[in-house]
Amino acid sequence: MIETRAAVLVESGRPAPYAASRPLEIAGLRLDPPGPGELLVRIGAAGLCHSDLSVINGSRPRPLPMALGHEAAGEVIETGPGTEFVPGDHVVLAFVPACGHCERCVAGRPALCGPGAAANGAGTLLGGGRRFIAPDGGRPHHHLGVSAFSEYTVVSSRSAVKIDPDLPFDIAALFGCAVLTGAGAALYSAAVVPGDTVAVFGLGGVGLSAVLAAKAAGAATVYAIDLVPDKLDLAEKLGAHPVEGGADATEALRDLTSGGAEKVIDTTGVVPVLEQAYAATRAGGTTVTVGLPAPGVPLTLPALTLVAEEKTLRGSYLGSCVPRRDVPRFIAMYRNGALPVDALLSGRLPLDDINEGFDTLHTAQAVRQLITFTGD
């Protein structure tokens, strides 16, 4: 049994600023050894993402207490029986532990794995267990099978993708969520091809990954929409055309594109923005949404346009990716300069400053901040 320090959410919905309300408590926990098909991983770096923030603010209810964090890379320290990994392997962790055997996994859609979704909803590992132990004997839940805001964590081997050890953890971590979700949305869900006109709403880590991937796919023009000037400036440096977000964004895009973009990606999880994105999609085009609105929030669209304009609206979870195929593929694109995702890094924080980090994310002043645990 190993000891670890972890950021544990004990109550959701505490108000910002989080530096004052302290929704995440840094707790000393113990970890059971990895069971069959599981890995003990020393976390090297973990990203702060809106999917974590949505649990903190209560818009995505999860069982509590929960050790948060879902975007990470680290080193395998110990393995349970029945895995192909060995101690010393470096891994990127994906936030859907795909079983590999259900109907959706067999069909090549592991992001929709039924057992993985059930485990994530219950706050357990894929096998159904919880490995963290609190000082009072309680068992904090796992976040999306990863719980990356911890010095050590236990994960299903089905959550892990082996990578080359020379890739720094702070770069590798980005591939677990931001790059898989954003680049996958552009390359697979939207199927951007050379010559396409593309628009991306929301310029966090996911949105800027989509911008980079659309450029890599040969898009003729990529428009980047956000309310934050610094993010628009960064998108312009990465080769996109910035468009100020807000009520006039759709009309501006329609003017710039002579009726709308062919592929439009919404990363915000804000329903009115998704409605804008759909309205900014030209006839025959595709709108892809990757954001996660609060459960029960309805979407209102002019239904006639689906037929009369042959528009497509589709969701994209985990970028419609196959992590064991696409993490290595996207890392190769990073290495050859096609996906310069290191430009997404806004800063590095120690675990003790995690509440302050979520304040920065909440106020939209960061693209991707990382909690770093080692010097790697």
Protein backbone atom coordinates (compact mmCIF):
# COMPACT_ATOMS: atom_id res chain seq x y z
CA MET A 1 0.00 0.00 0.00
CA ILE A 2 1.36 3.40 -1.03
CA GLU A 3 0.70 6.88 0.37
CA THR A 4 -0.18 9.82 -1.85
CA ARG A 5 -1.34 13.43 -1.70
CA ALA A 6 -4.41 14.15 -3.81
CA ALA A 7 -6.87 16.96 -4.53
CA VAL A 8 -10.25 15.69 -3.31
CA LEU A 9 -13.57 17.39 -4.01
CA VAL A 10 -15.77 17.00 -0.95
CA GLU A 11 -18.59 19.39 -1.90
CA SER A 12 -19.59 20.72 -5.30
CA GLY A 13 -21.13 24.12 -5.91
CA ARG A 14 -18.93 26.21 -3.64
CA PRO A 15 -18.69 29.71 -5.08
CA ALA A 16 -15.74 31.26 -6.82
CA PRO A 17 -13.19 32.51 -6.01
CA TYR A 18 -12.05 29.00 -5.23
CA ALA A 19 -8.93 30.30 -3.51
CA ALA A 20 -11.34 31.39 -0.75
CA SER A 21 -14.00 28.66 -0.81
CA ARG A 22 -11.42 25.80 -1.21
CA PRO A 23 -13.61 23.17 -2.91
CA LEU A 24 -10.55 20.96 -3.40
CA GLU A 25 -8.83 19.72 -0.27
CA ILE A 26 -5.28 18.39 -0.44
CA ALA A 27 -5.60 15.12 1.44
CA GLY A 28 -3.20 12.40 2.45
CA LEU A 29 -4.60 9.13 1.10
CA ARG A 30 -3.50 5.54 0.80
CA LEU A 31 -3.80 3.43 -2.32
CA ASP A 32 -4.53 -0.26 -2.54
CA PRO A 33 -2.15 -2.14 -4.85
CA PRO A 34 -3.38 -2.48 -8.45
CA GLY A 35 -5.78 -5.36 -9.01
CA PRO A 36 -6.06 -7.57 -12.10
CA GLY A 37 -5.71 -5.50 -15.25
CA GLU A 38 -4.74 -2.37 -13.29
CA LEU A 39 -1.69 -0.12 -12.98
CA LEU A 40 -0.17 1.99 -10.24
CA VAL A 41 0.97 5.19 -11.96
CA ARG A 42 3.16 8.01 -10.66
CA ILE A 43 1.66 11.13 -12.21
CA GLY A 44 4.13 13.42 -13.93
CA ALA A 45 1.74 16.16 -15.06
CA ALA A 46 -2.02 16.70 -15.09
CA GLY A 47 -4.05 19.36 -16.91
CA LEU A 48 -6.79 21.57 -15.47
CA CYS A 49 -9.80 21.21 -17.77
CA HIS A 50 -13.38 22.48 -17.87
CA SER A 51 -14.56 18.91 -17.37
CA ASP A 52 -12.98 19.12 -13.90
CA LEU A 53 -14.44 22.58 -13.34
CA SER A 54 -17.92 21.37 -14.25
CA VAL A 55 -17.73 18.85 -11.40
CA ILE A 56 -16.45 21.52 -9.01
CA ASN A 57 -19.24 23.97 -9.84
CA GLY A 58 -21.91 21.26 -9.82
CA SER A 59 -23.02 21.43 -13.45
CA ARG A 60 -21.85 17.82 -13.95
CA PRO A 61 -22.99 15.91 -10.84
CA ARG A 62 -20.64 13.14 -9.71
CA PRO A 63 -20.52 10.98 -6.58
CA LEU A 64 -18.50 12.61 -3.82
CA PRO A 65 -15.96 12.72 -2.31
CA MET A 66 -13.95 12.36 -5.50
CA ALA A 67 -10.25 12.60 -6.33
CA LEU A 68 -10.40 14.83 -9.40
CA GLY A 69 -8.32 15.07 -12.57
CA HIS A 70 -8.61 13.25 -15.88
CA GLU A 71 -5.92 14.56 -18.28
CA ALA A 72 -2.49 13.22 -17.42
CA ALA A 73 0.70 11.37 -18.19
CA GLY A 74 2.94 9.42 -15.88
CA GLU A 75 5.10 6.37 -15.22
CA VAL A 76 3.93 2.87 -14.39
CA ILE A 77 5.29 1.87 -10.97
CA GLU A 78 3.52 -1.44 -10.39
CA THR A 79 1.17 -3.67 -12.36
CA GLY A 80 -1.56 -6.08 -11.40
CA PRO A 81 -1.81 -9.43 -13.16
CA GLY A 82 -3.03 -9.56 -16.72
CA THR A 83 -1.63 -6.38 -18.27
CA GLU A 84 0.79 -5.80 -21.14
CA PHE A 85 2.53 -2.97 -19.25
CA VAL A 86 5.69 -3.21 -17.15
CA PRO A 87 7.12 -0.93 -14.47
CA GLY A 88 8.95 1.97 -16.07
CA ASP A 89 6.55 2.36 -18.99
CA HIS A 90 5.47 5.93 -19.67
CA VAL A 91 1.76 6.34 -20.37
CA VAL A 92 -0.87 8.86 -21.38
CA LEU A 93 -4.17 8.32 -19.58
CA ALA A 94 -7.48 8.53 -21.47
CA PHE A 95 -10.68 9.40 -19.65
CA VAL A 96 -12.80 6.56 -21.03
CA PRO A 97 -11.56 3.12 -19.86
CA ALA A 98 -12.72 1.18 -22.92
CA CYS A 99 -13.38 -2.47 -22.14
CA GLY A 100 -12.56 -3.66 -25.65
CA HIS A 101 -15.35 -6.24 -25.67
CA CYS A 102 -18.73 -4.47 -25.70
CA GLU A 103 -20.66 -3.83 -28.90
CA ARG A 104 -19.42 -0.25 -29.24
CA CYS A 105 -15.79 -1.12 -28.59
CA VAL A 106 -15.92 -3.94 -31.13
CA ALA A 107 -17.43 -1.50 -33.62
CA GLY A 108 -14.36 0.73 -33.21
CA ARG A 109 -16.04 3.38 -31.03
CA PRO A 110 -14.33 2.97 -27.64
CA ALA A 111 -15.34 6.49 -26.55
CA LEU A 112 -18.88 5.10 -26.25
CA CYS A 113 -17.89 1.99 -24.26
CA GLY A 114 -20.88 0.93 -22.15
CA PRO A 115 -18.98 -0.53 -19.18
CA GLY A 116 -16.56 2.41 -19.29
CA ALA A 117 -19.41 4.92 -19.16
CA ALA A 118 -21.05 3.03 -16.28
CA ALA A 119 -17.80 2.98 -14.30
CA ASN A 120 -17.18 6.68 -14.92
CA GLY A 121 -20.70 7.54 -13.79
CA ALA A 122 -20.30 5.48 -10.62
CA GLY A 123 -16.87 6.91 -9.83
CA THR A 124 -15.11 3.54 -9.95
CA LEU A 125 -12.44 1.89 -12.02
CA LEU A 126 -13.48 -0.29 -14.95
CA GLY A 127 -13.52 -3.37 -12.73
CA GLY A 128 -15.92 -1.69 -10.31
CA GLY A 129 -13.55 -1.01 -7.41
CA ARG A 130 -12.19 2.07 -5.67
CA ARG A 131 -8.54 2.06 -4.68
CA PHE A 132 -8.14 5.28 -2.65
CA ILE A 133 -8.46 5.06 1.15
CA ALA A 134 -9.03 8.16 3.30
CA PRO A 135 -7.67 8.47 6.86
CA ASP A 136 -11.17 7.75 8.22
CA GLY A 137 -11.38 4.55 6.17
CA GLY A 138 -13.70 6.01 3.55
CA ARG A 139 -13.13 5.39 -0.14
CA PRO A 140 -13.03 8.52 -2.34
CA HIS A 141 -14.37 8.01 -5.86
CA HIS A 142 -12.27 8.01 -9.01
CA HIS A 143 -12.75 10.72 -11.62
CA LEU A 144 -13.26 9.29 -15.11
CA GLY A 145 -11.09 6.33 -14.22
CA VAL A 146 -8.01 8.53 -13.83
CA SER A 147 -7.97 10.83 -10.72
CA ALA A 148 -4.90 12.61 -11.97
CA PHE A 149 -4.60 15.33 -9.31
CA SER A 150 -2.69 12.90 -7.15
CA GLU A 151 0.98 12.03 -6.82
CA TYR A 152 0.03 8.39 -7.46
CA THR A 153 -3.12 6.81 -8.82
CA VAL A 154 -4.42 3.38 -9.77
CA VAL A 155 -6.06 3.04 -13.18
CA SER A 156 -7.36 0.30 -15.42
CA SER A 157 -4.80 -0.64 -18.02
CA ARG A 158 -7.62 0.06 -20.50
CA SER A 159 -7.20 3.75 -19.60
CA ALA A 160 -3.50 3.80 -20.50
CA VAL A 161 -1.59 4.26 -23.75
CA LYS A 162 2.14 3.55 -23.80
CA ILE A 163 4.34 6.35 -25.16
CA ASP A 164 8.04 6.90 -25.74
CA PRO A 165 9.79 7.92 -22.52
CA ASP A 166 11.59 10.87 -24.12
CA LEU A 167 8.38 12.89 -24.43
CA PRO A 168 8.15 15.25 -21.42
CA PHE A 169 5.19 14.58 -19.16
CA ASP A 170 3.96 18.17 -19.40
CA ILE A 171 3.58 17.78 -23.17
CA ALA A 172 2.35 14.19 -23.05
CA ALA A 173 -0.47 15.04 -20.63
CA LEU A 174 -2.16 17.24 -23.23
CA PHE A 175 -2.80 14.24 -25.45
CA GLY A 176 -5.07 12.63 -22.86
CA CYS A 177 -7.94 15.10 -23.29
CA ALA A 178 -7.29 18.44 -25.01
CA VAL A 179 -5.64 17.00 -28.10
CA LEU A 180 -7.70 13.81 -28.36
CA THR A 181 -10.93 15.78 -28.01
CA GLY A 182 -10.07 18.81 -30.14
CA ALA A 183 -7.92 17.28 -32.85
CA GLY A 184 -10.23 14.28 -33.06
CA ALA A 185 -13.26 16.56 -33.45
CA ALA A 186 -11.61 18.22 -36.45
CA LEU A 187 -10.08 15.16 -38.11
CA TYR A 188 -12.72 12.51 -37.39
CA SER A 189 -16.02 14.03 -36.27
CA ALA A 190 -15.97 17.01 -38.66
CA ALA A 191 -13.76 15.20 -41.18
CA VAL A 192 -11.98 18.38 -42.27
CA VAL A 193 -10.42 17.98 -45.72
CA PRO A 194 -8.15 20.22 -47.80
CA GLY A 195 -9.94 23.35 -48.92
CA ASP A 196 -12.58 23.38 -46.18
CA THR A 197 -13.59 26.57 -44.41
CA VAL A 198 -13.64 25.84 -40.67
CA ALA A 199 -14.85 27.79 -37.64
CA VAL A 200 -14.03 26.89 -34.03
CA PHE A 201 -16.03 28.40 -31.16
CA GLY A 202 -14.14 28.47 -27.85
CA LEU A 203 -10.36 28.68 -27.64
CA GLY A 204 -9.37 26.65 -24.62
CA GLY A 205 -7.09 23.65 -24.94
CA VAL A 206 -9.70 21.67 -26.86
CA GLY A 207 -10.63 24.49 -29.21
CA LEU A 208 -7.06 25.42 -30.06
CA SER A 209 -6.25 21.75 -30.63
CA ALA A 210 -9.11 21.72 -33.13
CA VAL A 211 -7.68 24.82 -34.79
CA LEU A 212 -4.26 23.18 -35.11
CA ALA A 213 -5.70 19.94 -36.46
CA ALA A 214 -7.89 21.74 -38.99
CA LYS A 215 -4.82 23.58 -40.23
CA ALA A 216 -2.90 20.30 -40.41
CA ALA A 217 -5.74 18.73 -42.43
CA GLY A 218 -5.39 21.42 -45.09
CA ALA A 219 -8.31 23.71 -44.27
CA ALA A 220 -8.26 26.74 -46.53
CA THR A 221 -9.28 29.08 -43.73
CA VAL A 222 -9.85 28.55 -40.01
CA TYR A 223 -11.85 31.12 -38.07
CA ALA A 224 -11.38 31.18 -34.28
CA ILE A 225 -14.12 32.66 -32.10
CA ASP A 226 -13.79 33.68 -28.44
CA LEU A 227 -14.50 36.54 -26.06
CA VAL A 228 -10.97 36.73 -24.63
CA PRO A 229 -8.52 38.93 -26.58
CA ASP A 230 -5.42 36.99 -25.49
CA LYS A 231 -6.90 33.75 -26.80
CA LEU A 232 -7.78 35.40 -30.10
CA ASP A 233 -4.20 36.66 -30.34
CA LEU A 234 -2.84 33.16 -29.72
CA ALA A 235 -5.17 31.66 -32.33
CA GLU A 236 -3.96 34.23 -34.84
CA LYS A 237 -0.35 33.30 -34.10
CA LEU A 238 -1.30 29.68 -34.77
CA GLY A 239 -2.63 30.57 -38.20
CA ALA A 240 -6.34 31.21 -37.59
CA HIS A 241 -8.42 34.27 -38.37
CA PRO A 242 -9.75 35.70 -35.07
CA VAL A 243 -13.42 36.66 -34.71
CA GLU A 244 -14.71 38.33 -31.56
CA GLY A 245 -17.34 36.23 -29.82
CA GLY A 246 -20.70 37.50 -28.66
CA ALA A 247 -24.09 38.21 -30.16
CA ASP A 248 -22.67 39.39 -33.50
CA ALA A 249 -20.31 36.46 -34.07
CA THR A 250 -22.66 34.43 -36.25
CA GLU A 251 -23.46 37.29 -38.58
CA ALA A 252 -19.78 38.20 -38.80
CA LEU A 253 -18.89 34.64 -39.76
CA ARG A 254 -21.65 34.42 -42.33
CA ASP A 255 -20.37 37.66 -43.90
CA LEU A 256 -16.77 36.46 -43.89
CA THR A 257 -17.64 33.08 -45.41
CA SER A 258 -20.38 34.06 -47.86
CA GLY A 259 -23.07 32.20 -45.94
CA GLY A 260 -21.29 30.11 -43.35
CA ALA A 261 -18.37 27.74 -42.81
CA GLU A 262 -18.42 24.16 -44.11
CA LYS A 263 -17.23 22.68 -40.80
CA VAL A 264 -18.04 24.37 -37.48
CA ILE A 265 -16.86 23.04 -34.12
CA ASP A 266 -18.29 24.20 -30.79
CA THR A 267 -16.12 23.44 -27.76
CA THR A 268 -17.80 25.65 -25.18
CA GLY A 269 -20.54 23.47 -23.70
CA VAL A 270 -22.75 26.59 -23.72
CA VAL A 271 -26.03 25.88 -25.50
CA PRO A 272 -26.59 29.41 -26.92
CA VAL A 273 -23.09 29.25 -28.42
CA LEU A 274 -23.88 25.87 -29.97
CA GLU A 275 -26.98 27.44 -31.51
CA GLN A 276 -24.75 30.21 -32.90
CA ALA A 277 -22.34 27.62 -34.29
CA TYR A 278 -25.17 25.80 -36.06
CA ALA A 279 -26.45 29.06 -37.52
CA ALA A 280 -22.91 29.82 -38.76
CA THR A 281 -22.77 26.53 -40.69
CA ARG A 282 -23.51 26.80 -44.39
CA ALA A 283 -26.02 24.66 -46.27
CA GLY A 284 -24.62 21.15 -46.66
CA GLY A 285 -22.17 21.74 -43.82
CA THR A 286 -21.50 19.99 -40.52
CA THR A 287 -21.69 21.31 -36.97
CA VAL A 288 -19.78 19.32 -34.35
CA THR A 289 -20.16 19.87 -30.62
CA VAL A 290 -17.73 18.56 -28.02
CA GLY A 291 -18.73 20.68 -25.02
CA LEU A 292 -20.73 19.23 -22.12
CA PRO A 293 -23.71 21.36 -21.10
CA ALA A 294 -25.41 20.76 -17.78
CA PRO A 295 -27.80 17.78 -17.94
CA GLY A 296 -31.33 18.66 -19.01
CA VAL A 297 -30.53 21.90 -20.82
CA PRO A 298 -32.54 21.86 -24.08
CA LEU A 299 -31.25 22.81 -27.52
CA THR A 300 -33.52 24.75 -29.89
CA LEU A 301 -32.81 24.66 -33.63
CA PRO A 302 -34.86 25.39 -36.76
CA ALA A 303 -35.69 21.79 -37.67
CA LEU A 304 -36.44 22.62 -41.29
CA THR A 305 -32.78 23.43 -41.97
CA LEU A 306 -31.74 19.84 -41.31
CA VAL A 307 -33.69 18.86 -44.42
CA ALA A 308 -33.95 21.95 -46.58
CA GLU A 309 -30.28 22.85 -46.13
CA GLU A 310 -28.99 19.29 -45.63
CA LYS A 311 -27.12 20.34 -42.52
CA THR A 312 -25.57 17.83 -40.14
CA LEU A 313 -25.33 18.22 -36.36
CA ARG A 314 -23.28 15.64 -34.53
CA GLY A 315 -21.75 15.13 -31.13
CA SER A 316 -18.16 14.14 -30.53
CA TYR A 317 -16.97 12.48 -27.33
CA LEU A 318 -13.21 11.99 -26.87
CA GLY A 319 -12.96 13.38 -30.40
CA SER A 320 -14.46 10.14 -31.77
CA CYS A 321 -10.93 8.80 -31.25
CA VAL A 322 -9.45 5.39 -30.58
CA PRO A 323 -6.84 6.38 -27.96
CA ARG A 324 -4.44 3.50 -28.57
CA ARG A 325 -4.39 4.40 -32.26
CA ASP A 326 -4.63 8.17 -32.03
CA VAL A 327 -2.41 9.14 -29.10
CA PRO A 328 0.67 7.81 -30.95
CA ARG A 329 -0.63 9.29 -34.21
CA PHE A 330 -1.10 12.76 -32.72
CA ILE A 331 2.23 12.61 -30.90
CA ALA A 332 3.89 11.86 -34.24
CA MET A 333 2.14 14.92 -35.71
CA TYR A 334 3.46 16.99 -32.79
CA ARG A 335 6.99 15.73 -33.36
CA ASN A 336 6.92 16.62 -37.06
CA GLY A 337 5.57 20.10 -36.36
CA ALA A 338 2.00 19.59 -37.62
CA LEU A 339 0.44 19.86 -34.13
CA PRO A 340 2.48 22.36 -32.07
CA VAL A 341 0.45 21.72 -28.93
CA ASP A 342 3.18 23.05 -26.65
CA ALA A 343 1.77 26.48 -27.58
CA LEU A 344 -1.29 25.63 -25.46
CA LEU A 345 0.60 25.62 -22.16
CA SER A 346 -0.36 28.59 -20.00
CA GLY A 347 1.55 27.70 -16.84
CA ARG A 348 2.59 25.07 -14.33
CA LEU A 349 1.38 24.87 -10.74
CA PRO A 350 2.15 22.82 -7.65
CA LEU A 351 -0.67 20.66 -6.30
CA ASP A 352 -1.15 23.00 -3.33
CA ASP A 353 -2.17 25.86 -5.68
CA ILE A 354 -4.87 23.91 -7.52
CA ASN A 355 -7.80 25.99 -6.25
CA GLU A 356 -6.09 29.15 -7.47
CA GLY A 357 -5.54 27.41 -10.80
CA PHE A 358 -9.26 26.76 -11.16
CA ASP A 359 -9.94 30.43 -10.47
CA THR A 360 -7.76 31.24 -13.47
CA LEU A 361 -9.63 28.69 -15.58
CA HIS A 362 -13.02 29.93 -14.34
CA THR A 363 -12.22 33.48 -15.44
CA ALA A 364 -11.06 32.21 -18.88
CA GLN A 365 -7.55 33.57 -18.41
CA ALA A 366 -5.76 30.33 -19.30
CA VAL A 367 -5.66 27.80 -22.12
CA ARG A 368 -4.05 24.84 -20.35
CA GLN A 369 -2.49 24.93 -16.90
CA LEU A 370 -0.68 21.87 -15.58
CA ILE A 371 -0.16 20.47 -12.14
CA THR A 372 3.37 19.09 -12.20
CA PHE A 373 4.66 16.53 -9.72
CA THR A 374 8.20 15.87 -10.97
CA GLY A 375 11.02 17.63 -12.71
CA ASP A 376 10.47 15.63 -15.92
